Amino acid sequence: MASDPELELRGRLVRSIGTLRDMLPGCFVERKRRCGKPNCRCASGKPEDLHPQLALSVLVGGKLRNIHLNAALAQEARRGVELHRRFQELEARICAINLARLARKKQGPAQP
């Protein structure tokens, strides 16, 4: 019995989803802002003197929420968002394979 390369690819894609268990939805956002203290270096307004503000922007219950992060959590959030992007790519590839297989089934068996 000949193996179906499409099914093998789909199987590999499905198995690789397990490596994405730490994915996070949303977008990682980094802004620069002033803190408001008159004697702080950021009061100059120069872009290089502004403070970084790190957040994960995500829809929760249909509302956009910003989860502010410290520097220690920022890298974890950035990685989680990247994992979610990879998940979406895998999902699209798996769905494309399934759709192509369904379309071929609908056409029926090949005529000799």
Protein backbone atom coordinates (compact mmCIF):
# COMPACT_ATOMS: atom_id res chain seq x y z
CA MET A 1 0.00 0.00 0.00
CA ALA A 2 1.43 3.36 -1.06
CA SER A 3 1.69 6.01 1.61
CA ASP A 4 -0.11 9.29 1.07
CA PRO A 5 2.41 12.17 1.34
CA GLU A 6 -0.40 14.61 2.08
CA LEU A 7 -1.56 12.56 5.07
CA GLU A 8 2.01 12.20 6.30
CA LEU A 9 2.52 15.96 6.09
CA ARG A 10 -0.76 16.62 7.90
CA GLY A 11 0.27 14.15 10.63
CA ARG A 12 3.63 15.86 11.10
CA LEU A 13 1.92 19.27 11.29
CA VAL A 14 -0.61 18.06 13.86
CA ARG A 15 2.12 16.49 15.99
CA SER A 16 4.18 19.69 15.90
CA ILE A 17 1.34 21.67 17.50
CA GLY A 18 2.33 20.20 20.88
CA THR A 19 5.52 22.27 20.84
CA LEU A 20 3.41 25.45 20.86
CA ARG A 21 1.76 24.90 24.25
CA ASP A 22 3.04 28.21 25.67
CA MET A 23 1.44 30.34 22.94
CA LEU A 24 -0.34 33.57 23.83
CA PRO A 25 -2.99 35.41 21.82
CA GLY A 26 -2.71 39.10 21.00
CA CYS A 27 0.13 41.43 20.12
CA PHE A 28 3.25 42.40 21.99
CA VAL A 29 3.43 46.18 22.22
CA GLU A 30 6.42 48.35 23.13
CA ARG A 31 5.92 52.09 23.49
CA LYS A 32 8.18 54.89 24.66
CA ARG A 33 6.73 57.44 27.06
CA ARG A 34 7.47 60.10 29.66
CA CYS A 35 6.97 59.28 33.32
CA GLY A 36 5.89 62.80 34.29
CA LYS A 37 8.62 63.55 36.84
CA PRO A 38 10.06 67.00 36.04
CA ASN A 39 13.68 66.08 36.87
CA CYS A 40 13.73 62.73 35.06
CA ARG A 41 15.81 62.26 31.92
CA CYS A 42 12.60 61.60 29.93
CA ALA A 43 11.40 65.17 30.54
CA SER A 44 13.60 66.28 27.64
CA GLY A 45 11.24 64.49 25.27
CA LYS A 46 14.08 63.02 23.21
CA PRO A 47 13.10 59.57 21.91
CA GLU A 48 16.26 57.96 23.29
CA ASP A 49 15.46 59.31 26.80
CA LEU A 50 11.89 58.01 27.02
CA HIS A 51 10.97 54.99 29.16
CA PRO A 52 9.86 51.75 27.52
CA GLN A 53 6.33 50.61 28.30
CA LEU A 54 5.77 46.91 27.55
CA ALA A 55 2.35 45.28 27.20
CA LEU A 56 0.43 42.37 25.76
CA SER A 57 -2.62 43.64 23.87
CA VAL A 58 -5.34 40.99 23.77
CA LEU A 59 -9.11 40.64 23.28
CA VAL A 60 -10.78 39.38 26.46
CA GLY A 61 -14.54 38.92 26.36
CA GLY A 62 -14.75 41.01 23.20
CA LYS A 63 -12.87 43.95 24.74
CA LEU A 64 -9.31 45.00 24.04
CA ARG A 65 -7.15 44.76 27.15
CA ASN A 66 -3.55 45.77 27.67
CA ILE A 67 -1.65 43.66 30.17
CA HIS A 68 1.34 45.72 31.27
CA LEU A 69 4.52 43.71 31.69
CA ASN A 70 7.81 44.16 33.45
CA ALA A 71 11.02 43.43 31.57
CA ALA A 72 11.24 39.91 33.02
CA LEU A 73 7.83 38.93 31.58
CA ALA A 74 8.24 40.80 28.31
CA GLN A 75 10.47 38.15 26.71
CA GLU A 76 8.05 35.38 27.71
CA ALA A 77 5.12 37.31 26.23
CA ARG A 78 7.03 38.07 23.03
CA ARG A 79 7.83 34.37 22.62
CA GLY A 80 4.22 33.34 23.38
CA VAL A 81 2.87 35.68 20.70
CA GLU A 82 5.38 34.29 18.19
CA LEU A 83 4.27 30.74 19.05
CA HIS A 84 0.66 31.75 18.45
CA ARG A 85 1.60 33.11 15.02
CA ARG A 86 3.25 29.76 14.20
CA PHE A 87 0.09 27.96 15.38
CA GLN A 88 -2.01 30.04 12.99
CA GLU A 89 0.34 29.12 10.12
CA LEU A 90 0.08 25.42 10.99
CA GLU A 91 -3.70 25.70 11.26
CA ALA A 92 -3.90 27.26 7.80
CA ARG A 93 -1.71 24.54 6.26
CA ILE A 94 -3.69 21.71 7.89
CA CYS A 95 -6.99 23.26 6.78
CA ALA A 96 -5.69 23.68 3.21
CA ILE A 97 -4.74 19.99 3.09
CA ASN A 98 -8.14 18.97 4.46
CA LEU A 99 -9.97 21.22 2.00
CA ALA A 100 -8.02 19.83 -0.97
CA ARG A 101 -8.78 16.27 0.16
CA LEU A 102 -12.49 17.08 0.53
CA ALA A 103 -12.61 18.68 -2.93
CA ARG A 104 -11.03 15.56 -4.46
CA LYS A 105 -13.54 13.31 -2.66
CA LYS A 106 -16.40 15.42 -3.99
CA GLN A 107 -15.16 14.97 -7.56
CA GLY A 108 -15.32 11.22 -7.08
CA PRO A 109 -12.85 8.53 -8.09
CA ALA A 110 -10.68 9.15 -11.11
CA GLN A 111 -12.05 7.70 -14.35
CA PRO A 112 -9.71 5.36 -16.29
